[in-house]
Amino acid sequence: MIRFEQVEKRFGSKKVLDGVNFEIKKSEIFIIVGLSGAGKSVSLKHMVRLLTPDSGRVWVGDDVVSEARGAELERIRARFGYLFQSGALLAWMSAGENVGLPLREHTRKPDEDINGIARDKMRLVHLEEAYDKMPADLSGGMRKRVSLARAIVRDPEIVLYDEPTSGLDPLTSRTIDKLIRDTRDELGVTSIVVTHDLHSALSIGDTIAMLHEGKMVEMSPPKQFIQSRHPVVRSFLESQYITTRGAWEQESTQP
């Protein structure tokens, strides 16, 4: 579905992606983890050509998105939905208007149809009662759910999630995790999630990939990921109290 082939990207003297190779399967939940600055969000942006690699190729299906331009690029981008870290809701529009906005911008559907589709997507994220509310009147978790409804309003094949649980309390974070999983199960979308939250990653991911200093140092299913002997992976796991036994809860620090 999505394939990186020897992708390199520099910003000035810093090499952010250093010969990165990986492939994401159709309908997979693929998680990218790593420390700040490891290249996680940069990888997402390459998938929709918000960034272009200095060398290497990025494929989306049979299309080389890293070389696409004009109408071809727009066609490829239409296959994606994007949930931004901030949610990126427009403050002067209601929740329902925010969800329907991509349809107004990219289709000629009448308002009645757009409103109906927006309500259906808000129902999928269990927020139909918030259709007429303004973003300022919603909690952080509710705003993320509205943003997810907007990301899937055009029925994309692929949804990109940039730190979907950032800034949320643990209970709300698990609600977002469930919505990501349910969205994949109900709509069959391919999901790529960038996150610092390993508890989330291990709960919902089919594959966990870790970037470190521009290189992919581990890529495996959750059960194998927590058994990794790579020192960078071990340190990352232990920093979130995740043990090789699979007991993800915090270990007691009492003597």
C-alpha atoms as a PDB file:
ATOM      1  CA  MET A   1       0.000   0.000   0.000  1.00  0.00           C
ATOM      2  CA  ILE A   2       2.745   2.468   1.040  1.00  0.00           C
ATOM      3  CA  ARG A   3       6.441   1.851   0.477  1.00  0.00           C
ATOM      4  CA  PHE A   4       9.586   3.846   1.306  1.00  0.00           C
ATOM      5  CA  GLU A   5      12.652   2.990  -0.762  1.00  0.00           C
ATOM      6  CA  GLN A   6      15.982   4.347   0.513  1.00  0.00           C
ATOM      7  CA  VAL A   7      14.391   7.663   1.488  1.00  0.00           C
ATOM      8  CA  GLU A   8      16.768  10.401   2.626  1.00  0.00           C
ATOM      9  CA  LYS A   9      15.878  13.881   3.831  1.00  0.00           C
ATOM     10  CA  ARG A  10      18.067  16.668   5.175  1.00  0.00           C
ATOM     11  CA  PHE A  11      17.229  19.978   6.768  1.00  0.00           C
ATOM     12  CA  GLY A  12      20.415  21.964   6.522  1.00  0.00           C
ATOM     13  CA  SER A  13      23.228  19.850   7.929  1.00  0.00           C
ATOM     14  CA  LYS A  14      20.881  17.507   9.823  1.00  0.00           C
ATOM     15  CA  LYS A  15      19.958  14.239   8.110  1.00  0.00           C
ATOM     16  CA  VAL A  16      16.449  13.472   9.410  1.00  0.00           C
ATOM     17  CA  LEU A  17      15.799  10.375   7.278  1.00  0.00           C
ATOM     18  CA  ASP A  18      18.812   8.252   6.402  1.00  0.00           C
ATOM     19  CA  GLY A  19      18.058   5.556   3.810  1.00  0.00           C
ATOM     20  CA  VAL A  20      14.697   4.586   5.315  1.00  0.00           C
ATOM     21  CA  ASN A  21      12.971   1.466   3.955  1.00  0.00           C
ATOM     22  CA  PHE A  22       9.619   0.056   5.016  1.00  0.00           C
ATOM     23  CA  GLU A  23       6.323  -1.171   3.589  1.00  0.00           C
ATOM     24  CA  ILE A  24       2.813  -0.746   5.020  1.00  0.00           C
ATOM     25  CA  LYS A  25       0.170  -3.308   4.098  1.00  0.00           C
ATOM     26  CA  LYS A  26      -3.420  -2.565   3.158  1.00  0.00           C
ATOM     27  CA  SER A  27      -5.755  -2.200   6.190  1.00  0.00           C
ATOM     28  CA  GLU A  28      -2.798  -2.383   8.591  1.00  0.00           C
ATOM     29  CA  ILE A  29      -2.403  -0.177  11.657  1.00  0.00           C
ATOM     30  CA  PHE A  30       1.256   0.816  11.321  1.00  0.00           C
ATOM     31  CA  ILE A  31       2.751   2.718  14.259  1.00  0.00           C
ATOM     32  CA  ILE A  32       5.856   4.900  14.019  1.00  0.00           C
ATOM     33  CA  VAL A  33       7.507   5.679  17.359  1.00  0.00           C
ATOM     34  CA  GLY A  34      10.729   7.381  18.372  1.00  0.00           C
ATOM     35  CA  LEU A  35      12.220  10.276  20.296  1.00  0.00           C
ATOM     36  CA  SER A  36      11.498  13.880  19.330  1.00  0.00           C
ATOM     37  CA  GLY A  37      13.264  14.761  16.110  1.00  0.00           C
ATOM     38  CA  ALA A  38      13.597  11.144  14.996  1.00  0.00           C
ATOM     39  CA  GLY A  39      11.754  11.766  11.724  1.00  0.00           C
ATOM     40  CA  LYS A  40       8.280  10.463  12.556  1.00  0.00           C
ATOM     41  CA  SER A  41       6.159  13.399  11.379  1.00  0.00           C
ATOM     42  CA  VAL A  42       8.606  14.002   8.519  1.00  0.00           C
ATOM     43  CA  SER A  43       7.801  10.474   7.319  1.00  0.00           C
ATOM     44  CA  LEU A  44       4.066  11.211   7.399  1.00  0.00           C
ATOM     45  CA  LYS A  45       4.535  14.378   5.363  1.00  0.00           C
ATOM     46  CA  HIS A  46       6.424  12.451   2.685  1.00  0.00           C
ATOM     47  CA  MET A  47       3.413  10.161   2.208  1.00  0.00           C
ATOM     48  CA  VAL A  48       1.287  13.053   0.936  1.00  0.00           C
ATOM     49  CA  ARG A  49       4.218  14.981  -0.541  1.00  0.00           C
ATOM     50  CA  LEU A  50       4.089  17.848   1.866  1.00  0.00           C
ATOM     51  CA  LEU A  51       7.807  17.067   1.806  1.00  0.00           C
ATOM     52  CA  THR A  52       9.861  15.597  -1.045  1.00  0.00           C
ATOM     53  CA  PRO A  53      12.810  13.261  -0.378  1.00  0.00           C
ATOM     54  CA  ASP A  54      16.303  14.376  -1.312  1.00  0.00           C
ATOM     55  CA  SER A  55      16.767  10.867  -2.666  1.00  0.00           C
ATOM     56  CA  GLY A  56      14.790   7.647  -2.744  1.00  0.00           C
ATOM     57  CA  ARG A  57      11.143   7.054  -3.573  1.00  0.00           C
ATOM     58  CA  VAL A  58       7.805   6.959  -1.756  1.00  0.00           C
ATOM     59  CA  TRP A  59       5.112   4.768  -3.300  1.00  0.00           C
ATOM     60  CA  VAL A  60       1.359   4.822  -2.647  1.00  0.00           C
ATOM     61  CA  GLY A  61       0.035   1.726  -4.344  1.00  0.00           C
ATOM     62  CA  ASP A  62       1.319   1.885  -7.910  1.00  0.00           C
ATOM     63  CA  ASP A  63       1.951   5.644  -7.764  1.00  0.00           C
ATOM     64  CA  VAL A  64       5.292   7.288  -6.955  1.00  0.00           C
ATOM     65  CA  VAL A  65       3.918  10.115  -4.822  1.00  0.00           C
ATOM     66  CA  SER A  66       7.400  11.582  -4.320  1.00  0.00           C
ATOM     67  CA  GLU A  67       7.500  12.444  -8.032  1.00  0.00           C
ATOM     68  CA  ALA A  68       3.824  13.336  -8.580  1.00  0.00           C
ATOM     69  CA  ARG A  69       2.677  16.827  -9.503  1.00  0.00           C
ATOM     70  CA  GLY A  70      -0.480  18.705 -10.397  1.00  0.00           C
ATOM     71  CA  ALA A  71      -3.633  16.682 -10.999  1.00  0.00           C
ATOM     72  CA  GLU A  72      -1.802  13.399 -10.346  1.00  0.00           C
ATOM     73  CA  LEU A  73      -0.695  14.575  -6.907  1.00  0.00           C
ATOM     74  CA  GLU A  74      -4.210  15.778  -6.064  1.00  0.00           C
ATOM     75  CA  ARG A  75      -5.605  12.380  -7.082  1.00  0.00           C
ATOM     76  CA  ILE A  76      -3.152  10.606  -4.778  1.00  0.00           C
ATOM     77  CA  ARG A  77      -3.811  12.999  -1.899  1.00  0.00           C
ATOM     78  CA  ALA A  78      -7.550  12.339  -2.219  1.00  0.00           C
ATOM     79  CA  ARG A  79      -6.818   8.797  -1.036  1.00  0.00           C
ATOM     80  CA  PHE A  80      -5.730  10.168   2.362  1.00  0.00           C
ATOM     81  CA  GLY A  81      -7.327  11.593   5.467  1.00  0.00           C
ATOM     82  CA  TYR A  82      -5.087  13.452   7.929  1.00  0.00           C
ATOM     83  CA  LEU A  83      -5.635  13.903  11.670  1.00  0.00           C
ATOM     84  CA  PHE A  84      -3.321  16.715  12.769  1.00  0.00           C
ATOM     85  CA  GLN A  85      -1.764  16.785  16.239  1.00  0.00           C
ATOM     86  CA  SER A  86      -3.557  20.026  17.128  1.00  0.00           C
ATOM     87  CA  GLY A  87      -6.844  18.901  15.619  1.00  0.00           C
ATOM     88  CA  ALA A  88      -6.738  22.041  13.417  1.00  0.00           C
ATOM     89  CA  LEU A  89     -10.455  22.813  13.728  1.00  0.00           C
ATOM     90  CA  LEU A  90     -11.600  26.201  12.467  1.00  0.00           C
ATOM     91  CA  ALA A  91     -12.801  28.156  15.509  1.00  0.00           C
ATOM     92  CA  TRP A  92     -15.497  30.096  13.634  1.00  0.00           C
ATOM     93  CA  MET A  93     -17.235  26.953  12.333  1.00  0.00           C
ATOM     94  CA  SER A  94     -19.395  24.510  14.258  1.00  0.00           C
ATOM     95  CA  ALA A  95     -18.197  20.940  14.715  1.00  0.00           C
ATOM     96  CA  GLY A  96     -20.487  19.752  11.934  1.00  0.00           C
ATOM     97  CA  GLU A  97     -19.342  22.500   9.573  1.00  0.00           C
ATOM     98  CA  ASN A  98     -15.716  21.543  10.256  1.00  0.00           C
ATOM     99  CA  VAL A  99     -16.443  17.910   9.420  1.00  0.00           C
ATOM    100  CA  GLY A 100     -18.239  18.828   6.194  1.00  0.00           C
ATOM    101  CA  LEU A 101     -15.592  21.321   5.045  1.00  0.00           C
ATOM    102  CA  PRO A 102     -13.541  18.893   2.864  1.00  0.00           C
ATOM    103  CA  LEU A 103     -16.705  17.978   0.974  1.00  0.00           C
ATOM    104  CA  ARG A 104     -17.508  21.638   0.360  1.00  0.00           C
ATOM    105  CA  GLU A 105     -13.971  22.298  -0.849  1.00  0.00           C
ATOM    106  CA  HIS A 106     -13.501  19.232  -3.057  1.00  0.00           C
ATOM    107  CA  THR A 107     -16.957  18.164  -4.256  1.00  0.00           C
ATOM    108  CA  ARG A 108     -20.090  19.695  -5.752  1.00  0.00           C
ATOM    109  CA  LYS A 109     -22.455  17.908  -3.409  1.00  0.00           C
ATOM    110  CA  PRO A 110     -25.465  19.953  -2.252  1.00  0.00           C
ATOM    111  CA  ASP A 111     -25.478  21.230   1.331  1.00  0.00           C
ATOM    112  CA  GLU A 112     -28.191  18.774   2.349  1.00  0.00           C
ATOM    113  CA  ASP A 113     -26.050  15.811   1.289  1.00  0.00           C
ATOM    114  CA  ILE A 114     -22.920  17.257   2.915  1.00  0.00           C
ATOM    115  CA  ASN A 115     -24.741  17.798   6.205  1.00  0.00           C
ATOM    116  CA  GLY A 116     -26.052  14.248   6.126  1.00  0.00           C
ATOM    117  CA  ILE A 117     -22.622  12.754   5.465  1.00  0.00           C
ATOM    118  CA  ALA A 118     -21.057  14.918   8.196  1.00  0.00           C
ATOM    119  CA  ARG A 119     -23.686  13.725  10.677  1.00  0.00           C
ATOM    120  CA  ASP A 120     -23.005  10.111   9.717  1.00  0.00           C
ATOM    121  CA  LYS A 121     -19.260  10.538  10.339  1.00  0.00           C
ATOM    122  CA  MET A 122     -19.890  12.254  13.669  1.00  0.00           C
ATOM    123  CA  ARG A 123     -22.085   9.321  14.596  1.00  0.00           C
ATOM    124  CA  LEU A 124     -19.144   6.993  13.892  1.00  0.00           C
ATOM    125  CA  VAL A 125     -17.052   8.863  16.461  1.00  0.00           C
ATOM    126  CA  HIS A 126     -19.990   8.979  18.914  1.00  0.00           C
ATOM    127  CA  LEU A 127     -20.440  12.744  18.772  1.00  0.00           C
ATOM    128  CA  GLU A 128     -23.669  13.256  16.879  1.00  0.00           C
ATOM    129  CA  GLU A 129     -25.018  15.409  19.730  1.00  0.00           C
ATOM    130  CA  ALA A 130     -22.153  17.895  19.244  1.00  0.00           C
ATOM    131  CA  TYR A 131     -22.926  18.680  15.601  1.00  0.00           C
ATOM    132  CA  ASP A 132     -23.933  22.310  16.238  1.00  0.00           C
ATOM    133  CA  LYS A 133     -21.412  23.048  19.000  1.00  0.00           C
ATOM    134  CA  MET A 134     -18.429  25.324  18.478  1.00  0.00           C
ATOM    135  CA  PRO A 135     -14.894  23.952  18.975  1.00  0.00           C
ATOM    136  CA  ALA A 136     -14.364  26.201  22.030  1.00  0.00           C
ATOM    137  CA  ASP A 137     -17.248  24.402  23.744  1.00  0.00           C
ATOM    138  CA  LEU A 138     -15.694  20.960  23.279  1.00  0.00           C
ATOM    139  CA  SER A 139     -13.147  19.122  25.410  1.00  0.00           C
ATOM    140  CA  GLY A 140      -9.748  18.209  23.977  1.00  0.00           C
ATOM    141  CA  GLY A 141     -10.853  14.635  23.404  1.00  0.00           C
ATOM    142  CA  MET A 142     -14.050  15.733  21.677  1.00  0.00           C
ATOM    143  CA  ARG A 143     -12.082  18.042  19.376  1.00  0.00           C
ATOM    144  CA  LYS A 144      -9.832  15.123  18.408  1.00  0.00           C
ATOM    145  CA  ARG A 145     -12.905  13.030  17.625  1.00  0.00           C
ATOM    146  CA  VAL A 146     -14.384  15.809  15.476  1.00  0.00           C
ATOM    147  CA  SER A 147     -11.037  16.013  13.658  1.00  0.00           C
ATOM    148  CA  LEU A 148     -11.149  12.262  13.051  1.00  0.00           C
ATOM    149  CA  ALA A 149     -14.676  12.573  11.629  1.00  0.00           C
ATOM    150  CA  ARG A 150     -13.380  15.271   9.279  1.00  0.00           C
ATOM    151  CA  ALA A 151     -10.400  13.103   8.286  1.00  0.00           C
ATOM    152  CA  ILE A 152     -12.702  10.277   7.154  1.00  0.00           C
ATOM    153  CA  VAL A 153     -15.535  12.354   5.674  1.00  0.00           C
ATOM    154  CA  ARG A 154     -14.372  11.695   2.087  1.00  0.00           C
ATOM    155  CA  ASP A 155     -14.029   7.947   2.743  1.00  0.00           C
ATOM    156  CA  PRO A 156     -10.237   7.806   2.327  1.00  0.00           C
ATOM    157  CA  GLU A 157      -8.292   4.584   1.843  1.00  0.00           C
ATOM    158  CA  ILE A 158      -5.547   5.747   4.208  1.00  0.00           C
ATOM    159  CA  VAL A 159      -5.673   7.813   7.401  1.00  0.00           C
ATOM    160  CA  LEU A 160      -2.585   9.502   8.865  1.00  0.00           C
ATOM    161  CA  TYR A 161      -2.598  10.248  12.601  1.00  0.00           C
ATOM    162  CA  ASP A 162      -0.017  12.684  13.989  1.00  0.00           C
ATOM    163  CA  GLU A 163       0.212  12.233  17.791  1.00  0.00           C
ATOM    164  CA  PRO A 164      -3.543  11.525  18.156  1.00  0.00           C
ATOM    165  CA  THR A 165      -3.405  11.148  21.964  1.00  0.00           C
ATOM    166  CA  SER A 166      -1.051  14.076  22.642  1.00  0.00           C
ATOM    167  CA  GLY A 167      -2.256  16.270  25.520  1.00  0.00           C
ATOM    168  CA  LEU A 168      -5.100  13.940  26.483  1.00  0.00           C
ATOM    169  CA  ASP A 169      -5.675  12.205  29.809  1.00  0.00           C
ATOM    170  CA  PRO A 170      -5.210   8.396  29.888  1.00  0.00           C
ATOM    171  CA  LEU A 171      -8.929   7.586  29.777  1.00  0.00           C
ATOM    172  CA  THR A 172      -9.554   9.854  26.784  1.00  0.00           C
ATOM    173  CA  SER A 173      -6.413   8.510  25.103  1.00  0.00           C
ATOM    174  CA  ARG A 174      -7.782   4.973  25.298  1.00  0.00           C
ATOM    175  CA  THR A 175     -11.057   6.221  23.778  1.00  0.00           C
ATOM    176  CA  ILE A 176      -9.103   7.621  20.823  1.00  0.00           C
ATOM    177  CA  ASP A 177      -7.208   4.313  20.539  1.00  0.00           C
ATOM    178  CA  LYS A 178     -10.500   2.442  20.289  1.00  0.00           C
ATOM    179  CA  LEU A 179     -11.771   4.841  17.629  1.00  0.00           C
ATOM    180  CA  ILE A 180      -8.632   4.301  15.533  1.00  0.00           C
ATOM    181  CA  ARG A 181      -9.097   0.553  15.754  1.00  0.00           C
ATOM    182  CA  ASP A 182     -12.856   0.751  15.113  1.00  0.00           C
ATOM    183  CA  THR A 183     -12.301   3.042  12.110  1.00  0.00           C
ATOM    184  CA  ARG A 184      -9.968   0.462  10.593  1.00  0.00           C
ATOM    185  CA  ASP A 185     -12.354  -2.413  11.335  1.00  0.00           C
ATOM    186  CA  GLU A 186     -15.498  -0.658  10.086  1.00  0.00           C
ATOM    187  CA  LEU A 187     -14.089   1.191   7.066  1.00  0.00           C
ATOM    188  CA  GLY A 188     -11.121  -1.015   6.142  1.00  0.00           C
ATOM    189  CA  VAL A 189      -8.734   1.947   6.036  1.00  0.00           C
ATOM    190  CA  THR A 190      -4.978   1.679   6.265  1.00  0.00           C
ATOM    191  CA  SER A 191      -3.846   3.608   9.355  1.00  0.00           C
ATOM    192  CA  ILE A 192      -0.432   5.149  10.001  1.00  0.00           C
ATOM    193  CA  VAL A 193      -0.009   6.513  13.516  1.00  0.00           C
ATOM    194  CA  VAL A 194       2.877   8.637  14.781  1.00  0.00           C
ATOM    195  CA  THR A 195       2.998   8.618  18.575  1.00  0.00           C
ATOM    196  CA  HIS A 196       5.186   8.880  21.676  1.00  0.00           C
ATOM    197  CA  ASP A 197       2.608   6.813  23.586  1.00  0.00           C
ATOM    198  CA  LEU A 198       3.898   3.231  23.598  1.00  0.00           C
ATOM    199  CA  HIS A 199       0.920   1.992  25.602  1.00  0.00           C
ATOM    200  CA  SER A 200      -1.296   3.188  22.771  1.00  0.00           C
ATOM    201  CA  ALA A 201       1.030   1.775  20.121  1.00  0.00           C
ATOM    202  CA  LEU A 202       1.159  -1.679  21.686  1.00  0.00           C
ATOM    203  CA  SER A 203      -2.609  -1.750  22.195  1.00  0.00           C
ATOM    204  CA  ILE A 204      -3.693  -0.935  18.647  1.00  0.00           C
ATOM    205  CA  GLY A 205      -0.738  -1.533  16.325  1.00  0.00           C
ATOM    206  CA  ASP A 206      -0.253  -4.423  13.942  1.00  0.00           C
ATOM    207  CA  THR A 207       3.337  -3.301  13.346  1.00  0.00           C
ATOM    208  CA  ILE A 208       5.505  -1.038  15.525  1.00  0.00           C
ATOM    209  CA  ALA A 209       8.394   0.721  13.773  1.00  0.00           C
ATOM    210  CA  MET A 210      10.977   2.766  15.657  1.00  0.00           C
ATOM    211  CA  LEU A 211      12.998   5.550  14.061  1.00  0.00           C
ATOM    212  CA  HIS A 212      16.230   6.653  15.692  1.00  0.00           C
ATOM    213  CA  GLU A 213      18.644   9.206  14.252  1.00  0.00           C
ATOM    214  CA  GLY A 214      17.031   8.856  10.842  1.00  0.00           C
ATOM    215  CA  LYS A 215      17.183   5.054  10.663  1.00  0.00           C
ATOM    216  CA  MET A 216      14.586   2.355  11.243  1.00  0.00           C
ATOM    217  CA  VAL A 217      16.067   0.372  14.140  1.00  0.00           C
ATOM    218  CA  GLU A 218      13.138  -1.966  14.800  1.00  0.00           C
ATOM    219  CA  MET A 219       9.986  -3.010  12.938  1.00  0.00           C
ATOM    220  CA  SER A 220       7.895  -5.858  14.302  1.00  0.00           C
ATOM    221  CA  PRO A 221       4.515  -6.854  15.780  1.00  0.00           C
ATOM    222  CA  PRO A 222       3.905  -5.662  19.362  1.00  0.00           C
ATOM    223  CA  LYS A 223       4.798  -8.966  21.065  1.00  0.00           C
ATOM    224  CA  GLN A 224       8.139  -9.071  19.252  1.00  0.00           C
ATOM    225  CA  PHE A 225       8.743  -5.345  19.699  1.00  0.00           C
ATOM    226  CA  ILE A 226       8.749  -5.555  23.497  1.00  0.00           C
ATOM    227  CA  GLN A 227      11.244  -8.437  23.262  1.00  0.00           C
ATOM    228  CA  SER A 228      13.700  -6.426  21.140  1.00  0.00           C
ATOM    229  CA  ARG A 229      17.290  -6.461  22.369  1.00  0.00           C
ATOM    230  CA  HIS A 230      18.251  -3.272  20.493  1.00  0.00           C
ATOM    231  CA  PRO A 231      19.586  -0.911  23.197  1.00  0.00           C
ATOM    232  CA  VAL A 232      17.696   2.128  21.874  1.00  0.00           C
ATOM    233  CA  VAL A 233      14.417   0.184  21.804  1.00  0.00           C
ATOM    234  CA  ARG A 234      15.038  -1.226  25.289  1.00  0.00           C
ATOM    235  CA  SER A 235      15.701   2.249  26.678  1.00  0.00           C
ATOM    236  CA  PHE A 236      12.542   3.600  25.026  1.00  0.00           C
ATOM    237  CA  LEU A 237      10.453   0.754  26.427  1.00  0.00           C
ATOM    238  CA  GLU A 238      11.876   1.063  29.918  1.00  0.00           C
ATOM    239  CA  SER A 239      11.283   4.819  29.948  1.00  0.00           C
ATOM    240  CA  GLN A 240       7.551   4.038  29.807  1.00  0.00           C
ATOM    241  CA  TYR A 241       7.751   1.145  32.281  1.00  0.00           C
ATOM    242  CA  ILE A 242       7.083  -1.503  29.658  1.00  0.00           C
ATOM    243  CA  THR A 243       8.746  -4.793  30.534  1.00  0.00           C
ATOM    244  CA  THR A 244       9.874  -7.729  28.434  1.00  0.00           C
ATOM    245  CA  ARG A 245       7.236  -9.831  30.201  1.00  0.00           C
ATOM    246  CA  GLY A 246       4.520  -7.796  28.513  1.00  0.00           C
ATOM    247  CA  ALA A 247       3.392  -6.231  31.809  1.00  0.00           C
ATOM    248  CA  TRP A 248       2.885  -2.727  30.462  1.00  0.00           C
ATOM    249  CA  GLU A 249       1.760  -1.184  33.716  1.00  0.00           C
ATOM    250  CA  GLN A 250       4.249   0.839  35.761  1.00  0.00           C
ATOM    251  CA  GLU A 251       6.524  -1.295  37.895  1.00  0.00           C
ATOM    252  CA  SER A 252       6.565  -0.475  41.574  1.00  0.00           C
ATOM    253  CA  THR A 253       9.452   1.765  42.596  1.00  0.00           C
ATOM    254  CA  GLN A 254       9.090   0.849  46.255  1.00  0.00           C
ATOM    255  CA  PRO A 255      12.105  -0.870  47.858  1.00  0.00           C
END
